[in-house]
Amino acid sequence: MRQGQIEYLMNRITTKREEMILEATISGYTSAETLRISQELDELINDYQRLVDIRYQTTFQQFIKQTILFFCGSKYKLYNIR
């Protein structure tokens, strides 16, 4: 599910970036419309970063849990051998 969300945001970011460049070419880099589009682009990029950070945190948390379970399991096996 998240991969689809990431791809969707990447497409929106690309489209919004192209829209901003086109608007800047027509009305200037400091025009009100260019700045409005730039702010929308910033919001999309922030959404992307939040989504990717959540994915990274989840992956990292899973890694930690697996590592703990591995070492706890190894310790448990050692106690059962004796």
Protein backbone atom coordinates (compact mmCIF):
# COMPACT_ATOMS: atom_id res chain seq x y z
CA MET A 1 0.00 0.00 0.00
CA ARG A 2 2.72 2.46 0.94
CA GLN A 3 4.65 1.81 -2.25
CA GLY A 4 1.61 2.93 -4.23
CA GLN A 5 1.36 6.06 -2.08
CA ILE A 6 5.03 6.81 -2.63
CA GLU A 7 4.70 6.46 -6.41
CA TYR A 8 1.57 8.61 -6.38
CA LEU A 9 3.36 11.37 -4.44
CA MET A 10 6.41 11.16 -6.70
CA ASN A 11 4.18 11.67 -9.74
CA ARG A 12 2.40 14.61 -8.09
CA ILE A 13 5.75 16.15 -7.12
CA THR A 14 7.06 15.83 -10.67
CA THR A 15 3.89 17.33 -12.14
CA LYS A 16 3.82 20.19 -9.62
CA ARG A 17 7.52 20.93 -10.22
CA GLU A 18 6.91 21.15 -13.98
CA GLU A 19 3.90 23.40 -13.34
CA MET A 20 6.01 25.68 -11.14
CA ILE A 21 8.80 25.93 -13.72
CA LEU A 22 6.31 26.74 -16.47
CA GLU A 23 4.62 29.40 -14.33
CA ALA A 24 7.99 30.90 -13.37
CA THR A 25 8.95 31.09 -17.03
CA ILE A 26 5.72 32.89 -17.89
CA SER A 27 5.20 35.21 -14.93
CA GLY A 28 8.57 35.25 -13.16
CA TYR A 29 10.15 33.42 -10.26
CA THR A 30 8.77 35.81 -7.63
CA SER A 31 5.21 36.11 -8.91
CA ALA A 32 2.37 35.33 -6.50
CA GLU A 33 1.23 32.38 -8.62
CA THR A 34 4.72 30.86 -8.80
CA LEU A 35 5.10 31.20 -5.03
CA ARG A 36 1.69 29.60 -4.44
CA ILE A 37 2.64 26.62 -6.62
CA SER A 38 6.01 26.44 -4.88
CA GLN A 39 4.26 26.19 -1.51
CA GLU A 40 2.05 23.39 -2.83
CA LEU A 41 5.18 21.61 -4.03
CA ASP A 42 6.75 22.04 -0.59
CA GLU A 43 3.68 20.43 1.01
CA LEU A 44 3.88 17.46 -1.37
CA ILE A 45 7.58 17.02 -0.63
CA ASN A 46 6.87 17.18 3.13
CA ASP A 47 4.16 14.52 2.72
CA TYR A 48 6.63 12.34 0.83
CA GLN A 49 9.29 12.76 3.51
CA ARG A 50 6.84 11.86 6.28
CA LEU A 51 5.75 8.75 4.41
CA VAL A 52 9.33 7.64 3.72
CA ASP A 53 10.37 8.34 7.32
CA ILE A 54 7.48 6.22 8.60
CA ARG A 55 8.54 3.43 6.26
CA TYR A 56 12.14 3.67 7.46
CA GLN A 57 11.11 3.73 11.14
CA THR A 58 8.87 0.71 10.65
CA THR A 59 11.66 -1.20 8.90
CA PHE A 60 14.15 -0.24 11.59
CA GLN A 61 11.73 -1.25 14.36
CA GLN A 62 11.20 -4.62 12.68
CA PHE A 63 14.97 -5.10 12.46
CA ILE A 64 15.36 -4.37 16.18
CA LYS A 65 12.55 -6.78 17.10
CA GLN A 66 14.04 -9.53 14.94
CA THR A 67 17.48 -8.97 16.45
CA ILE A 68 16.11 -9.13 19.99
CA LEU A 69 14.13 -12.27 19.19
CA PHE A 70 17.21 -13.86 17.63
CA PHE A 71 19.38 -13.23 20.67
CA CYS A 72 16.63 -14.17 23.12
CA GLY A 73 15.98 -17.34 21.15
CA SER A 74 19.68 -18.19 21.10
CA LYS A 75 19.90 -17.65 24.85
CA TYR A 76 16.83 -19.83 25.38
CA LYS A 77 18.36 -22.64 23.30
CA LEU A 78 21.59 -22.45 25.30
CA TYR A 79 19.69 -22.83 28.56
CA ASN A 80 17.77 -25.83 27.23
CA ILE A 81 20.98 -27.62 26.12
CA ARG A 82 22.41 -27.68 29.64
